[in-house]
Amino acid sequence: MDLNSLDRKDLLKLRADVERAIATLDERTKHAALEAAQRAVSQFGLSLSQLTDDISSLGSRRTAGVVRFRNPENAEQTWSGRGRKPQWVHDLEASGKALSDYEV
């Protein structure tokens, strides 16, 4: 298309058409992705709602660590005893204090 051959009215219409197409692009893309996902899960005899329910339940299985230790200098700082030790635990141990003395 040679834009230089179009008059002002045609160019304004073209701009409006392009803006409309851009505005609906995300919706069209989401719709196409949803349809592709529905086709993919149907090959396994499932529906998307079944799959998303299962995914949601996987996330809810994670539990927050139970607080086992509390920083004596700042009660808001706690540690479950799992994972990397916070700095305040290293500081307590370096000062020769037993971590078991700070169990909740």
N, C-alpha and C. Protein backbone atom coordinates (compact mmCIF):
# COMPACT_ATOMS: atom_id res chain seq x y z
N MET A 1 0.84 -1.17 0.00
CA MET A 1 0.00 0.00 0.00
C MET A 1 0.89 1.24 0.00
N ASP A 2 0.65 2.09 -0.88
CA ASP A 2 1.41 3.33 -0.97
C ASP A 2 0.66 4.41 -0.18
N LEU A 3 1.16 4.73 1.00
CA LEU A 3 0.49 5.71 1.86
C LEU A 3 0.48 7.10 1.25
N ASN A 4 1.46 7.41 0.43
CA ASN A 4 1.53 8.73 -0.19
C ASN A 4 0.41 8.95 -1.21
N SER A 5 -0.18 7.88 -1.69
CA SER A 5 -1.26 8.03 -2.68
C SER A 5 -2.62 8.24 -2.02
N LEU A 6 -2.70 8.07 -0.69
CA LEU A 6 -3.98 8.22 0.02
C LEU A 6 -4.20 9.67 0.41
N ASP A 7 -5.49 10.06 0.41
CA ASP A 7 -5.80 11.41 0.87
C ASP A 7 -6.00 11.40 2.39
N ARG A 8 -6.22 12.57 2.96
CA ARG A 8 -6.33 12.71 4.42
C ARG A 8 -7.43 11.82 4.99
N LYS A 9 -8.59 11.82 4.36
CA LYS A 9 -9.72 11.02 4.83
C LYS A 9 -9.36 9.53 4.88
N ASP A 10 -8.73 9.03 3.85
CA ASP A 10 -8.33 7.62 3.80
C ASP A 10 -7.27 7.30 4.86
N LEU A 11 -6.35 8.24 5.05
CA LEU A 11 -5.30 8.03 6.06
C LEU A 11 -5.91 7.99 7.47
N LEU A 12 -6.85 8.89 7.75
CA LEU A 12 -7.51 8.90 9.07
C LEU A 12 -8.30 7.62 9.29
N LYS A 13 -8.97 7.14 8.26
CA LYS A 13 -9.71 5.88 8.36
C LYS A 13 -8.75 4.73 8.61
N LEU A 14 -7.64 4.73 7.89
CA LEU A 14 -6.64 3.68 8.06
C LEU A 14 -6.10 3.69 9.48
N ARG A 15 -5.82 4.90 10.01
CA ARG A 15 -5.31 5.01 11.38
C ARG A 15 -6.34 4.47 12.38
N ALA A 16 -7.61 4.80 12.19
CA ALA A 16 -8.66 4.30 13.08
C ALA A 16 -8.75 2.78 13.01
N ASP A 17 -8.63 2.24 11.80
CA ASP A 17 -8.67 0.78 11.63
C ASP A 17 -7.50 0.10 12.33
N VAL A 18 -6.32 0.69 12.20
CA VAL A 18 -5.12 0.13 12.84
C VAL A 18 -5.26 0.20 14.36
N GLU A 19 -5.73 1.31 14.89
CA GLU A 19 -5.90 1.44 16.34
C GLU A 19 -6.91 0.42 16.87
N ARG A 20 -7.99 0.20 16.12
CA ARG A 20 -8.99 -0.80 16.51
C ARG A 20 -8.37 -2.20 16.51
N ALA A 21 -7.57 -2.49 15.50
CA ALA A 21 -6.93 -3.81 15.41
C ALA A 21 -5.96 -4.03 16.56
N ILE A 22 -5.21 -2.99 16.90
CA ILE A 22 -4.27 -3.09 18.03
C ILE A 22 -5.02 -3.30 19.33
N ALA A 23 -6.13 -2.59 19.49
CA ALA A 23 -6.91 -2.69 20.73
C ALA A 23 -7.47 -4.10 20.94
N THR A 24 -7.79 -4.79 19.86
CA THR A 24 -8.38 -6.13 20.00
C THR A 24 -7.35 -7.26 19.89
N LEU A 25 -6.11 -6.92 19.60
CA LEU A 25 -5.09 -7.95 19.42
C LEU A 25 -4.91 -8.81 20.66
N ASP A 26 -4.83 -8.20 21.83
CA ASP A 26 -4.64 -8.98 23.05
C ASP A 26 -5.82 -9.94 23.28
N GLU A 27 -7.02 -9.46 23.06
CA GLU A 27 -8.20 -10.32 23.23
C GLU A 27 -8.18 -11.49 22.26
N ARG A 28 -7.83 -11.23 21.02
CA ARG A 28 -7.75 -12.31 20.03
C ARG A 28 -6.67 -13.31 20.40
N THR A 29 -5.55 -12.81 20.90
CA THR A 29 -4.46 -13.70 21.28
C THR A 29 -4.86 -14.57 22.47
N LYS A 30 -5.50 -13.97 23.47
CA LYS A 30 -5.95 -14.73 24.64
C LYS A 30 -6.97 -15.78 24.22
N HIS A 31 -7.88 -15.40 23.36
CA HIS A 31 -8.91 -16.33 22.89
C HIS A 31 -8.27 -17.51 22.16
N ALA A 32 -7.31 -17.24 21.30
CA ALA A 32 -6.63 -18.31 20.56
C ALA A 32 -5.86 -19.22 21.52
N ALA A 33 -5.23 -18.64 22.52
CA ALA A 33 -4.49 -19.44 23.50
C ALA A 33 -5.43 -20.32 24.31
N LEU A 34 -6.58 -19.77 24.69
CA LEU A 34 -7.57 -20.54 25.44
C LEU A 34 -8.09 -21.70 24.62
N GLU A 35 -8.39 -21.46 23.36
CA GLU A 35 -8.86 -22.54 22.50
C GLU A 35 -7.79 -23.62 22.32
N ALA A 36 -6.54 -23.21 22.16
CA ALA A 36 -5.45 -24.18 22.01
C ALA A 36 -5.29 -25.00 23.30
N ALA A 37 -5.41 -24.36 24.43
CA ALA A 37 -5.29 -25.06 25.70
C ALA A 37 -6.45 -26.05 25.89
N GLN A 38 -7.65 -25.64 25.51
CA GLN A 38 -8.80 -26.54 25.61
C GLN A 38 -8.62 -27.76 24.73
N ARG A 39 -8.12 -27.55 23.51
CA ARG A 39 -7.87 -28.70 22.62
C ARG A 39 -6.80 -29.61 23.22
N ALA A 40 -5.76 -29.04 23.79
CA ALA A 40 -4.66 -29.85 24.33
C ALA A 40 -5.13 -30.70 25.50
N VAL A 41 -5.87 -30.13 26.44
CA VAL A 41 -6.29 -30.92 27.60
C VAL A 41 -7.38 -31.92 27.22
N SER A 42 -8.17 -31.61 26.20
CA SER A 42 -9.21 -32.56 25.79
C SER A 42 -8.60 -33.84 25.23
N GLN A 43 -7.39 -33.77 24.70
CA GLN A 43 -6.70 -34.97 24.21
C GLN A 43 -6.42 -35.94 25.34
N PHE A 44 -6.40 -35.44 26.58
CA PHE A 44 -6.16 -36.29 27.75
C PHE A 44 -7.46 -36.60 28.49
N GLY A 45 -8.58 -36.22 27.89
CA GLY A 45 -9.88 -36.51 28.49
C GLY A 45 -10.21 -35.58 29.65
N LEU A 46 -9.63 -34.40 29.67
CA LEU A 46 -9.87 -33.45 30.75
C LEU A 46 -10.47 -32.17 30.20
N SER A 47 -10.96 -31.36 31.12
CA SER A 47 -11.38 -30.01 30.75
C SER A 47 -10.42 -29.03 31.41
N LEU A 48 -10.42 -27.81 30.91
CA LEU A 48 -9.54 -26.79 31.51
C LEU A 48 -9.91 -26.54 32.95
N SER A 49 -11.19 -26.56 33.28
CA SER A 49 -11.59 -26.30 34.67
C SER A 49 -11.08 -27.39 35.59
N GLN A 50 -11.09 -28.64 35.14
CA GLN A 50 -10.53 -29.72 35.97
C GLN A 50 -9.04 -29.49 36.20
N LEU A 51 -8.35 -29.12 35.15
CA LEU A 51 -6.92 -28.92 35.24
C LEU A 51 -6.57 -27.75 36.14
N THR A 52 -7.30 -26.65 35.99
CA THR A 52 -7.00 -25.47 36.82
C THR A 52 -7.36 -25.74 38.28
N ASP A 53 -8.40 -26.53 38.54
CA ASP A 53 -8.72 -26.90 39.93
C ASP A 53 -7.57 -27.71 40.53
N ASP A 54 -7.02 -28.64 39.74
CA ASP A 54 -5.90 -29.45 40.22
C ASP A 54 -4.67 -28.59 40.47
N ILE A 55 -4.41 -27.65 39.60
CA ILE A 55 -3.27 -26.75 39.77
C ILE A 55 -3.44 -25.92 41.03
N SER A 56 -4.65 -25.43 41.26
CA SER A 56 -4.92 -24.64 42.46
C SER A 56 -4.70 -25.45 43.72
N SER A 57 -5.13 -26.71 43.70
CA SER A 57 -4.97 -27.53 44.89
C SER A 57 -3.50 -27.86 45.15
N LEU A 58 -2.69 -27.94 44.10
CA LEU A 58 -1.25 -28.16 44.30
C LEU A 58 -0.63 -27.00 45.07
N GLY A 59 -1.02 -25.80 44.73
CA GLY A 59 -0.48 -24.63 45.41
C GLY A 59 -0.92 -24.56 46.86
N SER A 60 -2.10 -25.06 47.17
CA SER A 60 -2.59 -24.98 48.55
C SER A 60 -1.97 -26.04 49.45
N ARG A 61 -1.27 -26.99 48.87
CA ARG A 61 -0.61 -28.03 49.68
C ARG A 61 0.60 -27.50 50.43
N ARG A 62 1.16 -26.42 49.91
CA ARG A 62 2.33 -25.84 50.57
C ARG A 62 1.89 -25.21 51.87
N THR A 63 2.61 -25.49 52.92
CA THR A 63 2.28 -24.90 54.20
C THR A 63 3.42 -24.02 54.64
N ALA A 64 3.06 -22.98 55.32
CA ALA A 64 4.09 -22.09 55.84
C ALA A 64 4.82 -22.82 56.97
N GLY A 65 6.09 -22.55 57.10
CA GLY A 65 6.86 -23.17 58.16
C GLY A 65 6.36 -22.72 59.52
N VAL A 66 6.34 -23.64 60.44
CA VAL A 66 5.92 -23.34 61.80
C VAL A 66 7.09 -22.65 62.50
N VAL A 67 6.79 -21.58 63.18
CA VAL A 67 7.84 -20.83 63.88
C VAL A 67 8.37 -21.69 65.03
N ARG A 68 9.68 -21.90 65.04
CA ARG A 68 10.32 -22.68 66.12
C ARG A 68 11.25 -21.83 66.96
N PHE A 69 11.81 -20.77 66.35
CA PHE A 69 12.77 -19.94 67.07
C PHE A 69 12.41 -18.47 66.89
N ARG A 70 12.67 -17.69 67.94
CA ARG A 70 12.38 -16.26 67.89
C ARG A 70 13.62 -15.50 68.34
N ASN A 71 13.94 -14.43 67.63
CA ASN A 71 15.08 -13.59 67.95
C ASN A 71 14.81 -12.88 69.28
N PRO A 72 15.68 -13.03 70.28
CA PRO A 72 15.43 -12.40 71.57
C PRO A 72 15.50 -10.86 71.51
N GLU A 73 16.17 -10.32 70.52
CA GLU A 73 16.30 -8.87 70.42
C GLU A 73 15.21 -8.25 69.55
N ASN A 74 14.56 -9.04 68.72
CA ASN A 74 13.49 -8.54 67.86
C ASN A 74 12.48 -9.67 67.68
N ALA A 75 11.39 -9.61 68.42
CA ALA A 75 10.41 -10.69 68.43
C ALA A 75 9.73 -10.91 67.08
N GLU A 76 9.82 -9.94 66.18
CA GLU A 76 9.22 -10.10 64.85
C GLU A 76 10.06 -11.01 63.96
N GLN A 77 11.32 -11.23 64.31
CA GLN A 77 12.18 -12.09 63.51
C GLN A 77 12.09 -13.51 64.04
N THR A 78 11.63 -14.40 63.18
CA THR A 78 11.48 -15.80 63.57
C THR A 78 12.13 -16.69 62.52
N TRP A 79 12.25 -17.98 62.88
CA TRP A 79 12.81 -18.96 61.95
C TRP A 79 12.15 -20.30 62.23
N SER A 80 11.84 -21.03 61.18
CA SER A 80 11.18 -22.32 61.31
C SER A 80 12.16 -23.45 61.60
N GLY A 81 13.46 -23.17 61.42
CA GLY A 81 14.45 -24.23 61.58
C GLY A 81 14.73 -24.93 60.26
N ARG A 82 14.02 -24.52 59.22
CA ARG A 82 14.22 -25.11 57.89
C ARG A 82 14.81 -24.07 56.97
N GLY A 83 15.58 -24.53 56.03
CA GLY A 83 16.17 -23.61 55.06
C GLY A 83 17.38 -22.88 55.64
N ARG A 84 17.76 -21.84 54.94
CA ARG A 84 18.95 -21.08 55.31
C ARG A 84 18.73 -20.34 56.64
N LYS A 85 19.73 -20.39 57.48
CA LYS A 85 19.64 -19.71 58.78
C LYS A 85 19.70 -18.20 58.57
N PRO A 86 18.82 -17.47 59.27
CA PRO A 86 18.92 -16.01 59.20
C PRO A 86 20.16 -15.52 59.93
N GLN A 87 20.55 -14.30 59.64
CA GLN A 87 21.76 -13.74 60.24
C GLN A 87 21.70 -13.71 61.76
N TRP A 88 20.53 -13.42 62.33
CA TRP A 88 20.44 -13.34 63.78
C TRP A 88 20.73 -14.69 64.44
N VAL A 89 20.43 -15.79 63.74
CA VAL A 89 20.75 -17.13 64.27
C VAL A 89 22.26 -17.33 64.23
N HIS A 90 22.89 -16.94 63.14
CA HIS A 90 24.35 -17.04 63.06
C HIS A 90 25.00 -16.20 64.16
N ASP A 91 24.47 -15.02 64.40
CA ASP A 91 25.02 -14.14 65.44
C ASP A 91 24.89 -14.77 66.83
N LEU A 92 23.74 -15.39 67.10
CA LEU A 92 23.55 -16.06 68.39
C LEU A 92 24.57 -17.19 68.57
N GLU A 93 24.71 -18.00 67.53
CA GLU A 93 25.63 -19.13 67.61
C GLU A 93 27.07 -18.64 67.72
N ALA A 94 27.41 -17.58 67.05
CA ALA A 94 28.77 -17.04 67.11
C ALA A 94 29.09 -16.49 68.50
N SER A 95 28.06 -16.03 69.19
CA SER A 95 28.28 -15.51 70.55
C SER A 95 28.27 -16.61 71.59
N GLY A 96 28.12 -17.87 71.15
CA GLY A 96 28.20 -19.01 72.04
C GLY A 96 26.87 -19.39 72.67
N LYS A 97 25.79 -18.77 72.26
CA LYS A 97 24.46 -19.09 72.82
C LYS A 97 23.88 -20.28 72.09
N ALA A 98 23.10 -21.10 72.84
CA ALA A 98 22.47 -22.27 72.25
C ALA A 98 21.14 -21.87 71.62
N LEU A 99 20.94 -22.29 70.39
CA LEU A 99 19.71 -21.97 69.68
C LEU A 99 18.51 -22.56 70.40
N SER A 100 18.68 -23.67 71.04
CA SER A 100 17.56 -24.31 71.75
C SER A 100 16.99 -23.43 72.85
N ASP A 101 17.78 -22.48 73.35
CA ASP A 101 17.28 -21.56 74.38
C ASP A 101 16.26 -20.57 73.82
N TYR A 102 16.16 -20.48 72.51
CA TYR A 102 15.28 -19.50 71.89
C TYR A 102 14.12 -20.15 71.13
N GLU A 103 13.83 -21.41 71.50
CA GLU A 103 12.69 -22.08 70.89
C GLU A 103 11.41 -21.48 71.41
N VAL A 104 10.41 -21.45 70.52
CA VAL A 104 9.11 -20.89 70.90
C VAL A 104 8.29 -21.94 71.61
